[in-house]
């Protein structure tokens, strides 16, 4: 009975040392008699008890590694407190097992020294602006060195950059001054644009008024021209009608009568509007003119009637 129990225990130990189940995204390194033999992939695997053993177990997942905070000095001799995080992945389990005694410590130390070197070549302001460049420089240096450790460095991210308190206060003052400067510039630009807008508006208004006045003058001139043309056309029509009337029988006599009437009216107006009696120098002409007018009114064309009438009319006027 005791022998059976002993055999059962030996069998369990043998099976537990023989059968190995490797999880997904893992790799186990097997040594045979203290020497590297093979790497076990995920799944059910077997090893020879007491001759082979699983020496190292590696996860093939992406691993985040926190890089401790450290003080770095910039090119302009300013201290910066810098900390970051590193992402890596084991790509060669054999090299990860035998390439370094502790690849985690090696990667961490190399990341810190590389970060100090990169920041030491930059000024303080550039360290805040060139984070991508710093990260890329650290990854490039680490990836080249980590090849011998069977590790692939994927990326490095700076979590925080903290300058001393005096530098922070100076930077805050600089930012405040810069904002005040921008506010003053914006206000002056606003006033400048306002003056430009006012001047542009006044210029456009003046141009509009001048265009209106110009158009008004053009319209007025065109109206006056049309009026003059209309008057001229009416006068020409009247003259043409008078000329045509003169050509008719009795037209000349009508003209003579009209002239005589105008003359008599003119002398009559002078006599009414002035205190001084105006007398023509040659009264015979006046008598002849009045006589002619009376003869035309009576419709007599004889010379005798015309000769007697002027004397009588002239006597009555005097």
C-alpha atoms as a PDB file:
ATOM      1  CA  UNK A   1       0.000   0.000   0.000  1.00  0.00           C
ATOM      2  CA  UNK A   2       2.729   2.392   0.918  1.00  0.00           C
ATOM      3  CA  UNK A   3       4.566   1.466  -2.245  1.00  0.00           C
ATOM      4  CA  UNK A   4       1.507   2.281  -4.325  1.00  0.00           C
ATOM      5  CA  UNK A   5       1.180   5.681  -2.707  1.00  0.00           C
ATOM      6  CA  UNK A   6       4.855   6.338  -3.301  1.00  0.00           C
ATOM      7  CA  UNK A   7       4.542   5.349  -6.949  1.00  0.00           C
ATOM      8  CA  UNK A   8       1.502   7.594  -7.328  1.00  0.00           C
ATOM      9  CA  UNK A   9       3.395  10.557  -5.862  1.00  0.00           C
ATOM     10  CA  UNK A  10       6.325   9.876  -8.183  1.00  0.00           C
ATOM     11  CA  UNK A  11       3.941   9.681 -11.141  1.00  0.00           C
ATOM     12  CA  UNK A  12       2.314  13.001 -10.239  1.00  0.00           C
ATOM     13  CA  UNK A  13       5.697  14.655  -9.873  1.00  0.00           C
ATOM     14  CA  UNK A  14       6.826  13.143 -13.173  1.00  0.00           C
ATOM     15  CA  UNK A  15       3.716  14.329 -14.981  1.00  0.00           C
ATOM     16  CA  UNK A  16       3.878  17.828 -13.471  1.00  0.00           C
ATOM     17  CA  UNK A  17       7.488  18.135 -14.568  1.00  0.00           C
ATOM     18  CA  UNK A  18       6.804  16.684 -17.977  1.00  0.00           C
ATOM     19  CA  UNK A  19       3.588  18.392 -19.117  1.00  0.00           C
ATOM     20  CA  UNK A  20       3.727  22.166 -19.542  1.00  0.00           C
ATOM     21  CA  UNK A  21       0.918  24.468 -20.699  1.00  0.00           C
ATOM     22  CA  UNK A  22       2.265  27.756 -22.108  1.00  0.00           C
ATOM     23  CA  UNK A  23      -0.284  30.644 -22.053  1.00  0.00           C
ATOM     24  CA  UNK A  24      -1.039  32.764 -25.101  1.00  0.00           C
ATOM     25  CA  UNK A  25       1.387  35.651 -25.779  1.00  0.00           C
ATOM     26  CA  UNK A  26       4.047  33.987 -23.658  1.00  0.00           C
ATOM     27  CA  UNK A  27       7.332  32.246 -24.425  1.00  0.00           C
ATOM     28  CA  UNK A  28       9.217  29.879 -22.114  1.00  0.00           C
ATOM     29  CA  UNK A  29      12.925  29.152 -22.450  1.00  0.00           C
ATOM     30  CA  UNK A  30      13.960  25.526 -21.797  1.00  0.00           C
ATOM     31  CA  UNK A  31      17.457  24.529 -20.708  1.00  0.00           C
ATOM     32  CA  UNK A  32      18.828  21.003 -20.990  1.00  0.00           C
ATOM     33  CA  UNK A  33      21.471  20.228 -18.443  1.00  0.00           C
ATOM     34  CA  UNK A  34      22.050  23.949 -17.879  1.00  0.00           C
ATOM     35  CA  UNK A  35      22.319  24.850 -21.595  1.00  0.00           C
ATOM     36  CA  UNK A  36      19.757  26.576 -23.806  1.00  0.00           C
ATOM     37  CA  UNK A  37      17.793  24.020 -25.745  1.00  0.00           C
ATOM     38  CA  UNK A  38      14.586  25.535 -27.160  1.00  0.00           C
ATOM     39  CA  UNK A  39      11.785  28.073 -26.695  1.00  0.00           C
ATOM     40  CA  UNK A  40       8.290  26.818 -25.963  1.00  0.00           C
ATOM     41  CA  UNK A  41       5.439  28.467 -27.896  1.00  0.00           C
ATOM     42  CA  UNK A  42       1.894  28.784 -26.463  1.00  0.00           C
ATOM     43  CA  UNK A  43       0.043  25.467 -26.014  1.00  0.00           C
ATOM     44  CA  UNK A  44       0.620  22.033 -24.525  1.00  0.00           C
ATOM     45  CA  UNK A  45       4.322  21.160 -24.351  1.00  0.00           C
ATOM     46  CA  UNK A  46       6.508  18.426 -22.857  1.00  0.00           C
ATOM     47  CA  UNK A  47       9.881  18.512 -21.151  1.00  0.00           C
ATOM     48  CA  UNK A  48      12.111  15.733 -19.822  1.00  0.00           C
ATOM     49  CA  UNK A  49      12.024  15.757 -16.018  1.00  0.00           C
ATOM     50  CA  UNK A  50      15.297  16.250 -14.159  1.00  0.00           C
ATOM     51  CA  UNK A  51      17.138  16.784 -17.463  1.00  0.00           C
ATOM     52  CA  UNK A  52      15.245  19.767 -18.861  1.00  0.00           C
ATOM     53  CA  UNK A  53      13.756  22.669 -17.017  1.00  0.00           C
ATOM     54  CA  UNK A  54      11.917  25.922 -17.810  1.00  0.00           C
ATOM     55  CA  UNK A  55      14.556  28.508 -16.981  1.00  0.00           C
ATOM     56  CA  UNK A  56      12.845  31.766 -18.100  1.00  0.00           C
ATOM     57  CA  UNK A  57       9.281  32.854 -18.757  1.00  0.00           C
ATOM     58  CA  UNK A  58       8.662  35.940 -20.897  1.00  0.00           C
ATOM     59  CA  UNK A  59       5.500  37.823 -21.757  1.00  0.00           C
ATOM     60  CA  UNK A  60       5.328  38.885 -25.422  1.00  0.00           C
ATOM     61  CA  UNK A  61       2.797  41.650 -24.724  1.00  0.00           C
ATOM     62  CA  UNK A  62       3.596  45.348 -24.890  1.00  0.00           C
ATOM     63  CA  UNK A  63       4.844  46.368 -21.460  1.00  0.00           C
ATOM     64  CA  UNK A  64       4.712  49.904 -20.000  1.00  0.00           C
ATOM     65  CA  UNK A  65       7.736  50.755 -17.881  1.00  0.00           C
ATOM     66  CA  UNK A  66       7.730  53.798 -15.631  1.00  0.00           C
ATOM     67  CA  UNK A  67      11.023  55.734 -15.855  1.00  0.00           C
ATOM     68  CA  UNK A  68      11.787  57.364 -12.489  1.00  0.00           C
ATOM     69  CA  UNK A  69      11.864  61.163 -12.276  1.00  0.00           C
ATOM     70  CA  UNK A  70      15.255  62.807 -12.615  1.00  0.00           C
ATOM     71  CA  UNK A  71      16.831  66.265 -12.809  1.00  0.00           C
ATOM     72  CA  UNK A  72      18.127  67.321 -16.244  1.00  0.00           C
ATOM     73  CA  UNK A  73      20.111  70.481 -17.053  1.00  0.00           C
ATOM     74  CA  UNK A  74      19.299  72.318 -20.268  1.00  0.00           C
ATOM     75  CA  UNK A  75      21.685  74.089 -22.621  1.00  0.00           C
ATOM     76  CA  UNK A  76      21.011  77.432 -20.885  1.00  0.00           C
ATOM     77  CA  UNK A  77      21.809  75.899 -17.466  1.00  0.00           C
ATOM     78  CA  UNK A  78      18.250  75.504 -16.217  1.00  0.00           C
ATOM     79  CA  UNK A  79      17.240  72.514 -14.120  1.00  0.00           C
ATOM     80  CA  UNK A  80      14.239  70.455 -15.189  1.00  0.00           C
ATOM     81  CA  UNK A  81      12.490  67.707 -13.289  1.00  0.00           C
ATOM     82  CA  UNK A  82      11.595  65.120 -15.946  1.00  0.00           C
ATOM     83  CA  UNK A  83       9.756  61.835 -15.738  1.00  0.00           C
ATOM     84  CA  UNK A  84       8.357  59.598 -18.441  1.00  0.00           C
ATOM     85  CA  UNK A  85       7.028  56.216 -19.407  1.00  0.00           C
ATOM     86  CA  UNK A  86       8.569  53.670 -21.775  1.00  0.00           C
ATOM     87  CA  UNK A  87       6.747  51.045 -23.859  1.00  0.00           C
ATOM     88  CA  UNK A  88       8.657  47.932 -24.981  1.00  0.00           C
ATOM     89  CA  UNK A  89       8.041  44.357 -26.125  1.00  0.00           C
ATOM     90  CA  UNK A  90      10.120  41.177 -25.932  1.00  0.00           C
ATOM     91  CA  UNK A  91      10.796  39.977 -29.471  1.00  0.00           C
ATOM     92  CA  UNK A  92      13.502  37.364 -28.868  1.00  0.00           C
ATOM     93  CA  UNK A  93      13.037  35.312 -25.674  1.00  0.00           C
ATOM     94  CA  UNK A  94      16.524  33.743 -25.974  1.00  0.00           C
ATOM     95  CA  UNK A  95      18.318  37.115 -26.114  1.00  0.00           C
ATOM     96  CA  UNK A  96      16.026  38.492 -23.396  1.00  0.00           C
ATOM     97  CA  UNK A  97      17.140  35.580 -21.191  1.00  0.00           C
ATOM     98  CA  UNK A  98      20.864  35.612 -21.895  1.00  0.00           C
ATOM     99  CA  UNK A  99      21.591  39.051 -23.410  1.00  0.00           C
ATOM    100  CA  UNK A 100      21.356  40.914 -20.106  1.00  0.00           C
ATOM    101  CA  UNK A 101      21.136  39.945 -16.487  1.00  0.00           C
ATOM    102  CA  UNK A 102      18.144  42.298 -16.110  1.00  0.00           C
ATOM    103  CA  UNK A 103      16.950  43.998 -19.257  1.00  0.00           C
ATOM    104  CA  UNK A 104      14.332  46.056 -17.325  1.00  0.00           C
ATOM    105  CA  UNK A 105      17.022  47.810 -15.277  1.00  0.00           C
ATOM    106  CA  UNK A 106      19.195  48.210 -18.367  1.00  0.00           C
ATOM    107  CA  UNK A 107      16.397  49.847 -20.363  1.00  0.00           C
ATOM    108  CA  UNK A 108      15.474  52.148 -17.481  1.00  0.00           C
ATOM    109  CA  UNK A 109      19.042  53.349 -16.921  1.00  0.00           C
ATOM    110  CA  UNK A 110      19.661  53.841 -20.618  1.00  0.00           C
ATOM    111  CA  UNK A 111      16.418  55.830 -20.959  1.00  0.00           C
ATOM    112  CA  UNK A 112      17.478  58.176 -18.161  1.00  0.00           C
ATOM    113  CA  UNK A 113      20.975  58.789 -19.507  1.00  0.00           C
ATOM    114  CA  UNK A 114      19.693  59.302 -23.054  1.00  0.00           C
ATOM    115  CA  UNK A 115      17.049  61.757 -21.824  1.00  0.00           C
ATOM    116  CA  UNK A 116      19.656  63.799 -19.958  1.00  0.00           C
ATOM    117  CA  UNK A 117      21.829  63.900 -23.063  1.00  0.00           C
ATOM    118  CA  UNK A 118      18.984  65.018 -25.359  1.00  0.00           C
ATOM    119  CA  UNK A 119      17.710  67.737 -23.012  1.00  0.00           C
ATOM    120  CA  UNK A 120      21.255  68.970 -22.406  1.00  0.00           C
ATOM    121  CA  UNK A 121      21.463  69.960 -26.091  1.00  0.00           C
ATOM    122  CA  UNK A 122      18.292  72.086 -25.917  1.00  0.00           C
ATOM    123  CA  UNK A 123      17.336  75.406 -24.388  1.00  0.00           C
ATOM    124  CA  UNK A 124      14.517  75.608 -21.869  1.00  0.00           C
ATOM    125  CA  UNK A 125      11.896  76.950 -24.270  1.00  0.00           C
ATOM    126  CA  UNK A 126      12.711  74.277 -26.835  1.00  0.00           C
ATOM    127  CA  UNK A 127      12.149  71.466 -24.345  1.00  0.00           C
ATOM    128  CA  UNK A 128       8.481  72.450 -24.094  1.00  0.00           C
ATOM    129  CA  UNK A 129       8.110  72.804 -27.856  1.00  0.00           C
ATOM    130  CA  UNK A 130      10.079  69.744 -28.994  1.00  0.00           C
ATOM    131  CA  UNK A 131       8.594  66.933 -26.939  1.00  0.00           C
ATOM    132  CA  UNK A 132       8.105  64.811 -30.030  1.00  0.00           C
ATOM    133  CA  UNK A 133      11.766  65.247 -30.944  1.00  0.00           C
ATOM    134  CA  UNK A 134      12.869  64.282 -27.426  1.00  0.00           C
ATOM    135  CA  UNK A 135      10.674  61.183 -27.452  1.00  0.00           C
ATOM    136  CA  UNK A 136      11.922  60.122 -30.884  1.00  0.00           C
ATOM    137  CA  UNK A 137      15.565  60.619 -29.862  1.00  0.00           C
ATOM    138  CA  UNK A 138      15.152  58.479 -26.742  1.00  0.00           C
ATOM    139  CA  UNK A 139      13.371  55.700 -28.669  1.00  0.00           C
ATOM    140  CA  UNK A 140      16.037  55.696 -31.378  1.00  0.00           C
ATOM    141  CA  UNK A 141      18.903  55.358 -28.880  1.00  0.00           C
ATOM    142  CA  UNK A 142      17.132  52.696 -26.795  1.00  0.00           C
ATOM    143  CA  UNK A 143      16.004  50.633 -29.758  1.00  0.00           C
ATOM    144  CA  UNK A 144      19.543  50.373 -31.106  1.00  0.00           C
ATOM    145  CA  UNK A 145      20.942  49.199 -27.780  1.00  0.00           C
ATOM    146  CA  UNK A 146      18.001  46.928 -26.912  1.00  0.00           C
ATOM    147  CA  UNK A 147      18.462  44.750 -29.997  1.00  0.00           C
ATOM    148  CA  UNK A 148      21.137  42.736 -28.150  1.00  0.00           C
ATOM    149  CA  UNK A 149      18.672  42.229 -25.288  1.00  0.00           C
ATOM    150  CA  UNK A 150      15.919  40.769 -27.458  1.00  0.00           C
ATOM    151  CA  UNK A 151      13.684  43.767 -26.715  1.00  0.00           C
ATOM    152  CA  UNK A 152      11.953  46.175 -29.095  1.00  0.00           C
ATOM    153  CA  UNK A 153      11.428  49.705 -27.713  1.00  0.00           C
ATOM    154  CA  UNK A 154       8.150  50.967 -29.193  1.00  0.00           C
ATOM    155  CA  UNK A 155       7.841  54.512 -27.860  1.00  0.00           C
ATOM    156  CA  UNK A 156       8.734  56.858 -25.034  1.00  0.00           C
ATOM    157  CA  UNK A 157       6.482  59.568 -23.641  1.00  0.00           C
ATOM    158  CA  UNK A 158       7.464  62.429 -21.327  1.00  0.00           C
ATOM    159  CA  UNK A 159       4.826  62.689 -18.622  1.00  0.00           C
ATOM    160  CA  UNK A 160       5.931  65.924 -17.018  1.00  0.00           C
ATOM    161  CA  UNK A 161       8.527  68.704 -17.352  1.00  0.00           C
ATOM    162  CA  UNK A 162       8.796  70.780 -14.184  1.00  0.00           C
ATOM    163  CA  UNK A 163      11.197  73.742 -14.024  1.00  0.00           C
ATOM    164  CA  UNK A 164      12.113  75.410 -10.711  1.00  0.00           C
ATOM    165  CA  UNK A 165       9.671  77.805  -9.014  1.00  0.00           C
ATOM    166  CA  UNK A 166      11.655  80.918  -9.999  1.00  0.00           C
ATOM    167  CA  UNK A 167      11.559  79.888 -13.642  1.00  0.00           C
ATOM    168  CA  UNK A 168       7.832  79.207 -13.434  1.00  0.00           C
ATOM    169  CA  UNK A 169       7.175  82.684 -12.020  1.00  0.00           C
ATOM    170  CA  UNK A 170       9.339  84.280 -14.696  1.00  0.00           C
ATOM    171  CA  UNK A 171       7.550  82.322 -17.404  1.00  0.00           C
ATOM    172  CA  UNK A 172       4.192  83.364 -15.994  1.00  0.00           C
ATOM    173  CA  UNK A 173       5.263  87.013 -16.007  1.00  0.00           C
ATOM    174  CA  UNK A 174       6.455  86.639 -19.587  1.00  0.00           C
ATOM    175  CA  UNK A 175       3.159  85.075 -20.628  1.00  0.00           C
ATOM    176  CA  UNK A 176       1.224  87.889 -18.913  1.00  0.00           C
ATOM    177  CA  UNK A 177       3.314  90.541 -20.659  1.00  0.00           C
ATOM    178  CA  UNK A 178       2.863  88.799 -23.991  1.00  0.00           C
ATOM    179  CA  UNK A 179      -0.897  88.691 -23.545  1.00  0.00           C
ATOM    180  CA  UNK A 180      -1.008  92.371 -22.598  1.00  0.00           C
ATOM    181  CA  UNK A 181       1.063  93.149 -25.687  1.00  0.00           C
ATOM    182  CA  UNK A 182      -1.332  91.188 -27.866  1.00  0.00           C
ATOM    183  CA  UNK A 183      -4.287  93.008 -26.297  1.00  0.00           C
ATOM    184  CA  UNK A 184      -2.708  96.408 -27.019  1.00  0.00           C
ATOM    185  CA  UNK A 185      -1.909  95.380 -30.579  1.00  0.00           C
ATOM    186  CA  UNK A 186      -5.443  94.116 -31.078  1.00  0.00           C
ATOM    187  CA  UNK A 187      -6.888  97.375 -29.707  1.00  0.00           C
ATOM    188  CA  UNK A 188      -4.660  99.497 -31.963  1.00  0.00           C
ATOM    189  CA  UNK A 189      -5.562  97.345 -34.955  1.00  0.00           C
ATOM    190  CA  UNK A 190      -9.212  97.838 -34.093  1.00  0.00           C
ATOM    191  CA  UNK A 191      -8.819 101.626 -33.921  1.00  0.00           C
ATOM    192  CA  UNK A 192      -6.864 101.591 -37.172  1.00  0.00           C
ATOM    193  CA  UNK A 193      -9.541  99.547 -38.903  1.00  0.00           C
ATOM    194  CA  UNK A 194     -12.196 101.854 -37.478  1.00  0.00           C
ATOM    195  CA  UNK A 195     -10.460 104.919 -38.944  1.00  0.00           C
ATOM    196  CA  UNK A 196     -10.063 103.139 -42.272  1.00  0.00           C
ATOM    197  CA  UNK A 197     -13.739 102.235 -42.297  1.00  0.00           C
ATOM    198  CA  UNK A 198     -14.788 105.807 -41.444  1.00  0.00           C
ATOM    199  CA  UNK A 199     -12.515 107.282 -44.136  1.00  0.00           C
ATOM    200  CA  UNK A 200     -13.757 104.745 -46.665  1.00  0.00           C
ATOM    201  CA  UNK A 201     -17.358 105.527 -45.792  1.00  0.00           C
ATOM    202  CA  UNK A 202     -16.830 109.265 -46.078  1.00  0.00           C
ATOM    203  CA  UNK A 203     -15.057 108.855 -49.411  1.00  0.00           C
ATOM    204  CA  UNK A 204     -17.817 106.675 -50.778  1.00  0.00           C
ATOM    205  CA  UNK A 205     -20.461 109.091 -49.495  1.00  0.00           C
ATOM    206  CA  UNK A 206     -18.656 112.041 -51.114  1.00  0.00           C
ATOM    207  CA  UNK A 207     -18.375 110.141 -54.380  1.00  0.00           C
ATOM    208  CA  UNK A 208     -22.064 109.257 -54.212  1.00  0.00           C
ATOM    209  CA  UNK A 209     -23.024 112.896 -53.540  1.00  0.00           C
ATOM    210  CA  UNK A 210     -20.817 114.161 -56.353  1.00  0.00           C
ATOM    211  CA  UNK A 211     -22.263 111.574 -58.708  1.00  0.00           C
ATOM    212  CA  UNK A 212     -25.743 112.651 -57.672  1.00  0.00           C
ATOM    213  CA  UNK A 213     -24.949 116.332 -58.181  1.00  0.00           C
ATOM    214  CA  UNK A 214     -23.356 115.540 -61.520  1.00  0.00           C
ATOM    215  CA  UNK A 215     -26.410 113.605 -62.638  1.00  0.00           C
ATOM    216  CA  UNK A 216     -28.669 116.416 -61.387  1.00  0.00           C
ATOM    217  CA  UNK A 217     -26.705 118.978 -63.413  1.00  0.00           C
ATOM    218  CA  UNK A 218     -26.846 116.713 -66.450  1.00  0.00           C
ATOM    219  CA  UNK A 219     -30.578 116.280 -66.038  1.00  0.00           C
ATOM    220  CA  UNK A 220     -31.048 120.049 -65.557  1.00  0.00           C
ATOM    221  CA  UNK A 221     -28.955 120.832 -68.638  1.00  0.00           C
ATOM    222  CA  UNK A 222     -30.846 118.259 -70.628  1.00  0.00           C
ATOM    223  CA  UNK A 223     -34.140 119.771 -69.427  1.00  0.00           C
ATOM    224  CA  UNK A 224     -33.058 123.284 -70.331  1.00  0.00           C
ATOM    225  CA  UNK A 225     -31.856 122.058 -73.700  1.00  0.00           C
ATOM    226  CA  UNK A 226     -35.171 120.353 -74.311  1.00  0.00           C
ATOM    227  CA  UNK A 227     -37.022 123.542 -73.253  1.00  0.00           C
ATOM    228  CA  UNK A 228     -34.898 125.718 -75.536  1.00  0.00           C
ATOM    229  CA  UNK A 229     -35.418 123.278 -78.330  1.00  0.00           C
ATOM    230  CA  UNK A 230     -39.171 123.276 -77.714  1.00  0.00           C
ATOM    231  CA  UNK A 231     -39.270 127.100 -77.640  1.00  0.00           C
ATOM    232  CA  UNK A 232     -37.163 127.242 -80.791  1.00  0.00           C
ATOM    233  CA  UNK A 233     -39.412 124.735 -82.488  1.00  0.00           C
ATOM    234  CA  UNK A 234     -42.499 126.724 -81.441  1.00  0.00           C
ATOM    235  CA  UNK A 235     -40.924 129.999 -82.611  1.00  0.00           C
ATOM    236  CA  UNK A 236     -39.905 128.447 -85.890  1.00  0.00           C
ATOM    237  CA  UNK A 237     -43.414 127.104 -86.337  1.00  0.00           C
ATOM    238  CA  UNK A 238     -44.901 130.529 -85.554  1.00  0.00           C
ATOM    239  CA  UNK A 239     -42.522 132.257 -87.941  1.00  0.00           C
ATOM    240  CA  UNK A 240     -43.313 129.729 -90.603  1.00  0.00           C
ATOM    241  CA  UNK A 241     -47.049 130.271 -90.110  1.00  0.00           C
ATOM    242  CA  UNK A 242     -46.609 134.071 -90.215  1.00  0.00           C
ATOM    243  CA  UNK A 243     -44.542 133.758 -93.369  1.00  0.00           C
ATOM    244  CA  UNK A 244     -47.201 131.595 -94.924  1.00  0.00           C
ATOM    245  CA  UNK A 245     -49.904 134.080 -93.846  1.00  0.00           C
ATOM    246  CA  UNK A 246     -47.995 136.962 -95.409  1.00  0.00           C
ATOM    247  CA  UNK A 247     -48.017 135.138 -98.715  1.00  0.00           C
ATOM    248  CA  UNK A 248     -51.777 135.041 -98.608  1.00  0.00           C
ATOM    249  CA  UNK A 249     -53.915 137.961-100.068  1.00  0.00           C
ATOM    250  CA  UNK A 250     -53.978 140.904 -97.592  1.00  0.00           C
ATOM    251  CA  UNK A 251     -51.057 139.499 -95.640  1.00  0.00           C
ATOM    252  CA  UNK A 252     -48.795 142.487 -96.126  1.00  0.00           C
ATOM    253  CA  UNK A 253     -51.560 144.888 -95.072  1.00  0.00           C
ATOM    254  CA  UNK A 254     -52.099 142.837 -91.901  1.00  0.00           C
ATOM    255  CA  UNK A 255     -48.433 143.083 -91.078  1.00  0.00           C
ATOM    256  CA  UNK A 256     -48.411 146.826 -91.620  1.00  0.00           C
ATOM    257  CA  UNK A 257     -51.457 147.188 -89.372  1.00  0.00           C
ATOM    258  CA  UNK A 258     -49.782 145.150 -86.639  1.00  0.00           C
ATOM    259  CA  UNK A 259     -46.650 147.275 -86.797  1.00  0.00           C
ATOM    260  CA  UNK A 260     -48.718 150.485 -86.598  1.00  0.00           C
ATOM    261  CA  UNK A 261     -50.604 149.173 -83.563  1.00  0.00           C
ATOM    262  CA  UNK A 262     -47.379 148.303 -81.782  1.00  0.00           C
ATOM    263  CA  UNK A 263     -45.995 151.767 -82.455  1.00  0.00           C
ATOM    264  CA  UNK A 264     -49.115 153.513 -81.191  1.00  0.00           C
ATOM    265  CA  UNK A 265     -49.145 151.292 -78.086  1.00  0.00           C
ATOM    266  CA  UNK A 266     -45.514 152.093 -77.424  1.00  0.00           C
ATOM    267  CA  UNK A 267     -46.087 155.858 -77.571  1.00  0.00           C
ATOM    268  CA  UNK A 268     -49.152 155.449 -75.393  1.00  0.00           C
ATOM    269  CA  UNK A 269     -47.194 153.523 -72.734  1.00  0.00           C
ATOM    270  CA  UNK A 270     -44.489 156.168 -72.653  1.00  0.00           C
ATOM    271  CA  UNK A 271     -47.077 158.871 -72.175  1.00  0.00           C
ATOM    272  CA  UNK A 272     -48.771 157.011 -69.257  1.00  0.00           C
ATOM    273  CA  UNK A 273     -45.698 155.923 -67.274  1.00  0.00           C
ATOM    274  CA  UNK A 274     -43.611 159.103 -67.387  1.00  0.00           C
ATOM    275  CA  UNK A 275     -44.333 162.637 -66.106  1.00  0.00           C
ATOM    276  CA  UNK A 276     -42.409 164.086 -69.014  1.00  0.00           C
ATOM    277  CA  UNK A 277     -44.208 164.202 -72.296  1.00  0.00           C
ATOM    278  CA  UNK A 278     -42.149 162.500 -74.965  1.00  0.00           C
ATOM    279  CA  UNK A 279     -42.783 163.958 -78.395  1.00  0.00           C
ATOM    280  CA  UNK A 280     -41.264 162.506 -81.528  1.00  0.00           C
ATOM    281  CA  UNK A 281     -38.781 164.684 -83.337  1.00  0.00           C
ATOM    282  CA  UNK A 282     -40.605 164.320 -86.658  1.00  0.00           C
ATOM    283  CA  UNK A 283     -44.345 164.313 -86.058  1.00  0.00           C
ATOM    284  CA  UNK A 284     -44.979 163.751 -89.778  1.00  0.00           C
ATOM    285  CA  UNK A 285     -43.693 160.192 -89.439  1.00  0.00           C
ATOM    286  CA  UNK A 286     -46.040 159.481 -86.579  1.00  0.00           C
ATOM    287  CA  UNK A 287     -48.978 160.943 -88.477  1.00  0.00           C
ATOM    288  CA  UNK A 288     -48.082 158.928 -91.533  1.00  0.00           C
ATOM    289  CA  UNK A 289     -47.803 155.763 -89.432  1.00  0.00           C
ATOM    290  CA  UNK A 290     -51.178 156.353 -87.777  1.00  0.00           C
ATOM    291  CA  UNK A 291     -52.782 157.226 -91.037  1.00  0.00           C
ATOM    292  CA  UNK A 292     -51.538 154.051 -92.599  1.00  0.00           C
ATOM    293  CA  UNK A 293     -52.908 152.046 -89.710  1.00  0.00           C
ATOM    294  CA  UNK A 294     -56.338 153.723 -89.979  1.00  0.00           C
ATOM    295  CA  UNK A 295     -56.428 153.182 -93.715  1.00  0.00           C
ATOM    296  CA  UNK A 296     -55.725 149.514 -93.269  1.00  0.00           C
ATOM    297  CA  UNK A 297     -58.479 149.264 -90.651  1.00  0.00           C
ATOM    298  CA  UNK A 298     -61.008 150.846 -92.962  1.00  0.00           C
ATOM    299  CA  UNK A 299     -59.913 148.557 -95.750  1.00  0.00           C
ATOM    300  CA  UNK A 300     -59.247 151.411 -98.164  1.00  0.00           C
ATOM    301  CA  UNK A 301     -56.288 150.951-100.379  1.00  0.00           C
ATOM    302  CA  UNK A 302     -56.578 154.402-102.208  1.00  0.00           C
ATOM    303  CA  UNK A 303     -53.868 156.949-101.793  1.00  0.00           C
ATOM    304  CA  UNK A 304     -56.338 159.834-101.337  1.00  0.00           C
ATOM    305  CA  UNK A 305     -58.064 158.292 -98.346  1.00  0.00           C
ATOM    306  CA  UNK A 306     -54.719 157.445 -96.805  1.00  0.00           C
ATOM    307  CA  UNK A 307     -53.478 161.016 -97.330  1.00  0.00           C
ATOM    308  CA  UNK A 308     -56.408 162.725 -95.632  1.00  0.00           C
ATOM    309  CA  UNK A 309     -56.713 160.365 -92.731  1.00  0.00           C
ATOM    310  CA  UNK A 310     -53.335 160.852 -91.193  1.00  0.00           C
ATOM    311  CA  UNK A 311     -53.743 164.564 -90.810  1.00  0.00           C
ATOM    312  CA  UNK A 312     -57.056 164.257 -89.017  1.00  0.00           C
ATOM    313  CA  UNK A 313     -55.830 161.505 -86.735  1.00  0.00           C
ATOM    314  CA  UNK A 314     -52.678 163.390 -85.914  1.00  0.00           C
ATOM    315  CA  UNK A 315     -54.736 166.462 -85.029  1.00  0.00           C
ATOM    316  CA  UNK A 316     -56.866 164.487 -82.652  1.00  0.00           C
ATOM    317  CA  UNK A 317     -53.854 162.983 -80.927  1.00  0.00           C
ATOM    318  CA  UNK A 318     -52.324 166.371 -80.354  1.00  0.00           C
END
